[in-house]
Amino acid sequence: MSVLVNTKYRSEAEEIMDDLDYNGPILHDALDKLAKINQWLGGNIVTINGLKKALKNHNKSEAITIIDLGCGGGDILREISLFGKKNDYNFKLIGIDANPHTVNYANSLSQKYDNVSFEAIDIFSDQFNNLEYDLVLTTLFLHHFKEDQLVSFLKPVLQKAKLGIVVNDLHRHKLAYYLFKLLCTTIKNKTIVEDGLTSVLRGFKREELTTISEQINANYQIQWKWAFRFQWILKQQ
């Protein structure tokens, strides 16, 4: 029997942070450490560069509403707010997370950002369906869902998002799993360690992203990025 972890199929194991009652200092610590890990591993750059591609040739005088799904502590939206102001974009930025405790923490960290707000919304709810937006971002979020859920969810979202969907998510790979395990020796947070390893096993192979893209009739671009990320950009046909 192989001693290596099996990454042939996506795991359906749940993560600790899937629990919407997860709260308190341990949640705040996990969100803070996730933001730092994203910076160390270049994750935010993958999202920002995807955003630049989605905005190419867009008229800067037009207001753009951007929603970030599974926003966590809001670090990416704060970075995008600074990017937008530096480059003369008129952004309205809304972070969406189903955990109200996460949303409260994100709001507390974002008081100085006048174009950033956060809302506790379930993406499968009527409340979400009624939102208006131009562009959708999602970083390390879609791997929480099964393929059939992603197809049914992304199809109407793509139809509404005239500038498209920018996805930054994990490449499911043995090396990614063991490199993160090595990184975990420096992280003093049980949630980050356990959820991080589970996340890698819930990540994607390129052909899975291709299949989903074709099922929702999208124009798509999939690029591999360090560290074991896919930048996946979806646009209307």
Protein backbone atom coordinates (compact mmCIF):
# COMPACT_ATOMS: atom_id res chain seq x y z
CA MET A 1 0.00 0.00 0.00
CA SER A 2 1.30 3.47 -0.91
CA VAL A 3 2.34 5.67 2.00
CA LEU A 4 1.66 8.78 -0.11
CA VAL A 5 -1.59 10.67 0.24
CA ASN A 6 -4.06 9.91 -2.56
CA THR A 7 -5.02 12.97 -4.63
CA LYS A 8 -6.78 11.19 -7.50
CA TYR A 9 -10.25 12.30 -6.39
CA ARG A 10 -11.42 15.42 -4.55
CA SER A 11 -11.97 14.90 -0.83
CA GLU A 12 -15.42 15.59 0.63
CA ALA A 13 -14.12 15.99 4.19
CA GLU A 14 -15.42 19.05 6.03
CA GLU A 15 -13.22 21.80 7.40
CA ILE A 16 -13.39 23.31 10.88
CA MET A 17 -14.14 26.74 9.42
CA ASP A 18 -17.18 25.36 7.59
CA ASP A 19 -18.89 25.63 10.99
CA LEU A 20 -20.76 28.97 10.95
CA ASP A 21 -20.73 29.09 14.77
CA TYR A 22 -16.92 29.15 14.76
CA ASN A 23 -16.10 32.31 16.68
CA GLY A 24 -13.87 34.14 19.13
CA PRO A 25 -10.09 34.67 19.41
CA ILE A 26 -9.29 31.34 17.72
CA LEU A 27 -11.28 32.45 14.62
CA HIS A 28 -9.53 35.84 14.58
CA ASP A 29 -6.13 34.19 14.95
CA ALA A 30 -6.93 31.75 12.12
CA LEU A 31 -8.07 34.58 9.80
CA ASP A 32 -4.97 36.65 10.61
CA LYS A 33 -2.65 33.71 9.95
CA LEU A 34 -4.48 32.80 6.72
CA ALA A 35 -3.94 36.35 5.47
CA LYS A 36 -0.21 36.11 6.25
CA ILE A 37 0.13 32.69 4.61
CA ASN A 38 -1.60 34.05 1.51
CA GLN A 39 0.96 36.85 1.36
CA TRP A 40 3.92 34.51 1.93
CA LEU A 41 2.79 32.13 -0.81
CA GLY A 42 1.89 34.86 -3.29
CA GLY A 43 -1.82 34.07 -3.22
CA ASN A 44 -3.03 37.67 -3.19
CA ILE A 45 -0.91 38.43 -6.26
CA VAL A 46 -2.73 35.67 -8.18
CA THR A 47 -6.06 37.37 -7.43
CA ILE A 48 -4.84 40.91 -8.16
CA ASN A 49 -3.30 39.85 -11.48
CA GLY A 50 -6.54 38.06 -12.40
CA LEU A 51 -8.43 41.24 -11.56
CA LYS A 52 -6.15 43.24 -13.87
CA LYS A 53 -6.93 40.83 -16.71
CA ALA A 54 -10.69 41.11 -16.09
CA LEU A 55 -10.48 44.92 -16.09
CA LYS A 56 -8.35 45.21 -19.22
CA ASN A 57 -9.64 48.01 -21.48
CA HIS A 58 -12.43 48.84 -19.02
CA ASN A 59 -13.45 52.51 -18.81
CA LYS A 60 -12.08 53.78 -15.48
CA SER A 61 -14.78 56.43 -15.18
CA GLU A 62 -17.46 53.75 -14.73
CA ALA A 63 -18.25 52.52 -11.23
CA ILE A 64 -17.50 48.82 -10.75
CA THR A 65 -19.13 46.68 -8.07
CA ILE A 66 -16.92 43.77 -7.07
CA ILE A 67 -17.99 41.01 -4.70
CA ASP A 68 -15.55 38.70 -2.95
CA LEU A 69 -17.06 35.32 -2.08
CA GLY A 70 -15.82 33.66 1.10
CA CYS A 71 -14.02 36.89 1.98
CA GLY A 72 -12.71 35.76 5.37
CA GLY A 73 -11.00 38.62 7.20
CA GLY A 74 -11.18 40.85 4.11
CA ASP A 75 -7.44 41.18 3.48
CA ILE A 76 -7.78 40.80 -0.28
CA LEU A 77 -10.49 43.48 -0.57
CA ARG A 78 -8.39 45.90 1.44
CA GLU A 79 -5.50 45.29 -0.96
CA ILE A 80 -7.83 45.74 -3.95
CA SER A 81 -9.16 48.98 -2.48
CA LEU A 82 -5.60 50.37 -2.38
CA PHE A 83 -4.93 49.05 -5.91
CA GLY A 84 -8.12 50.70 -7.19
CA LYS A 85 -7.37 54.11 -5.67
CA LYS A 86 -3.78 54.01 -6.93
CA ASN A 87 -4.98 53.25 -10.47
CA ASP A 88 -8.00 55.60 -10.52
CA TYR A 89 -10.70 52.93 -10.53
CA ASN A 90 -14.10 53.62 -9.00
CA PHE A 91 -14.61 50.41 -7.02
CA LYS A 92 -17.44 49.42 -4.72
CA LEU A 93 -16.16 46.37 -2.85
CA ILE A 94 -18.39 43.94 -0.98
CA GLY A 95 -17.11 40.93 0.94
CA ILE A 96 -19.53 38.02 1.30
CA ASP A 97 -19.17 35.35 3.97
CA ALA A 98 -21.78 33.06 5.52
CA ASN A 99 -20.22 33.32 8.99
CA PRO A 100 -21.48 36.52 10.71
CA HIS A 101 -18.58 36.40 13.18
CA THR A 102 -16.12 36.46 10.28
CA VAL A 103 -17.98 39.39 8.71
CA ASN A 104 -17.90 41.35 11.98
CA TYR A 105 -14.16 40.82 12.26
CA ALA A 106 -13.58 41.83 8.62
CA ASN A 107 -15.58 45.02 9.21
CA SER A 108 -13.53 45.84 12.31
CA LEU A 109 -10.30 45.57 10.29
CA SER A 110 -11.59 47.68 7.40
CA GLN A 111 -12.80 50.90 9.07
CA LYS A 112 -10.30 53.06 7.15
CA TYR A 113 -11.48 51.78 3.74
CA ASP A 114 -14.42 53.88 2.58
CA ASN A 115 -15.35 51.69 -0.40
CA VAL A 116 -15.20 48.30 1.39
CA SER A 117 -18.11 46.65 3.20
CA PHE A 118 -19.00 43.12 4.29
CA GLU A 119 -22.24 41.17 4.48
CA ALA A 120 -23.15 37.85 6.08
CA ILE A 121 -24.92 36.07 3.21
CA ASP A 122 -25.34 32.43 2.21
CA ILE A 123 -24.40 32.20 -1.48
CA PHE A 124 -27.27 29.73 -2.03
CA SER A 125 -29.90 32.15 -0.67
CA ASP A 126 -32.41 34.51 -2.32
CA GLN A 127 -30.55 37.36 -0.64
CA PHE A 128 -27.46 36.49 -2.65
CA ASN A 129 -29.49 36.01 -5.85
CA ASN A 130 -30.79 39.58 -5.46
CA LEU A 131 -27.31 41.14 -5.29
CA GLU A 132 -26.12 43.27 -8.19
CA TYR A 133 -22.45 43.17 -9.20
CA ASP A 134 -20.12 43.52 -12.18
CA LEU A 135 -17.23 41.26 -11.19
CA VAL A 136 -16.85 38.30 -8.83
CA LEU A 137 -13.69 37.30 -6.97
CA THR A 138 -13.23 34.10 -5.04
CA THR A 139 -10.01 33.02 -3.35
CA LEU A 140 -9.64 29.59 -1.71
CA PHE A 141 -13.42 29.26 -1.50
CA LEU A 142 -14.81 27.17 -4.35
CA HIS A 143 -13.00 24.04 -3.21
CA HIS A 144 -15.53 23.88 -0.34
CA PHE A 145 -18.22 22.75 -2.82
CA LYS A 146 -18.91 19.67 -4.91
CA GLU A 147 -18.76 19.91 -8.71
CA ASP A 148 -22.55 19.76 -9.24
CA GLN A 149 -22.99 22.57 -6.69
CA LEU A 150 -20.40 24.68 -8.48
CA VAL A 151 -22.03 24.20 -11.87
CA SER A 152 -25.51 25.19 -10.64
CA PHE A 153 -24.11 28.13 -8.66
CA LEU A 154 -21.64 29.54 -11.19
CA LYS A 155 -23.94 29.45 -14.22
CA PRO A 156 -26.31 32.27 -13.10
CA VAL A 157 -23.46 34.19 -11.42
CA LEU A 158 -21.55 34.25 -14.71
CA GLN A 159 -24.63 35.52 -16.55
CA LYS A 160 -24.91 38.42 -14.10
CA ALA A 161 -21.21 39.30 -13.81
CA LYS A 162 -20.55 41.24 -17.02
CA LEU A 163 -16.81 41.50 -16.27
CA GLY A 164 -16.54 37.86 -15.30
CA ILE A 165 -15.37 35.71 -12.38
CA VAL A 166 -11.78 35.58 -11.12
CA VAL A 167 -11.00 32.40 -9.18
CA ASN A 168 -7.83 31.70 -7.21
CA ASP A 169 -7.92 28.18 -5.81
CA LEU A 170 -5.81 25.20 -4.92
CA HIS A 171 -4.18 22.66 -7.21
CA ARG A 172 -4.70 19.23 -5.64
CA HIS A 173 -1.27 17.66 -5.72
CA LYS A 174 0.80 15.39 -3.46
CA LEU A 175 3.69 17.85 -3.37
CA ALA A 176 1.36 20.69 -2.35
CA TYR A 177 0.08 18.53 0.51
CA TYR A 178 3.53 17.70 1.85
CA LEU A 179 4.92 21.23 1.39
CA PHE A 180 2.00 22.60 3.40
CA LYS A 181 2.60 19.91 6.04
CA LEU A 182 6.18 21.18 6.27
CA LEU A 183 4.97 24.78 6.57
CA CYS A 184 2.61 23.69 9.36
CA THR A 185 5.59 23.02 11.65
CA THR A 186 5.87 26.83 11.99
CA ILE A 187 2.14 27.52 12.49
CA LYS A 188 0.66 27.46 15.99
CA ASN A 189 -3.01 27.18 15.05
CA LYS A 190 -4.81 23.82 14.92
CA THR A 191 -7.52 25.13 12.59
CA ILE A 192 -5.02 26.37 9.98
CA VAL A 193 -3.08 23.10 10.08
CA GLU A 194 -6.07 20.75 9.83
CA ASP A 195 -8.10 22.87 7.40
CA GLY A 196 -5.08 23.63 5.23
CA LEU A 197 -4.31 19.96 4.63
CA THR A 198 -7.99 19.19 4.02
CA SER A 199 -8.20 22.15 1.61
CA VAL A 200 -5.40 20.77 -0.55
CA LEU A 201 -7.28 17.47 -0.80
CA ARG A 202 -10.47 19.36 -1.75
CA GLY A 203 -8.63 21.36 -4.41
CA PHE A 204 -8.80 20.86 -8.17
CA LYS A 205 -7.03 19.28 -11.10
CA ARG A 206 -6.91 21.33 -14.31
CA GLU A 207 -9.23 18.95 -16.16
CA GLU A 208 -11.89 19.36 -13.45
CA LEU A 209 -11.86 23.14 -13.91
CA THR A 210 -12.07 22.66 -17.67
CA THR A 211 -15.10 20.39 -17.30
CA ILE A 212 -16.91 22.90 -15.05
CA SER A 213 -16.08 25.76 -17.46
CA GLU A 214 -17.57 23.85 -20.37
CA GLN A 215 -20.66 22.85 -18.40
CA ILE A 216 -21.48 26.51 -17.67
CA ASN A 217 -20.69 27.59 -21.26
CA ALA A 218 -17.94 30.01 -20.24
CA ASN A 219 -15.02 31.50 -22.06
CA TYR A 220 -12.24 30.49 -19.70
CA GLN A 221 -8.55 30.74 -19.01
CA ILE A 222 -6.76 28.45 -16.55
CA GLN A 223 -3.17 29.17 -15.52
CA TRP A 224 -1.04 27.40 -12.92
CA LYS A 225 0.61 29.70 -10.39
CA TRP A 226 2.96 29.23 -7.48
CA ALA A 227 2.31 27.95 -4.82
CA PHE A 228 0.10 25.24 -6.32
CA ARG A 229 -2.71 27.60 -7.30
CA PHE A 230 -4.90 27.88 -10.33
CA GLN A 231 -5.88 31.30 -11.63
CA TRP A 232 -9.18 30.53 -13.33
CA ILE A 233 -10.91 33.34 -15.19
CA LEU A 234 -14.44 32.89 -16.46
CA LYS A 235 -16.25 35.23 -18.85
CA GLN A 236 -19.54 35.15 -20.69
CA GLN A 237 -19.51 33.62 -24.18
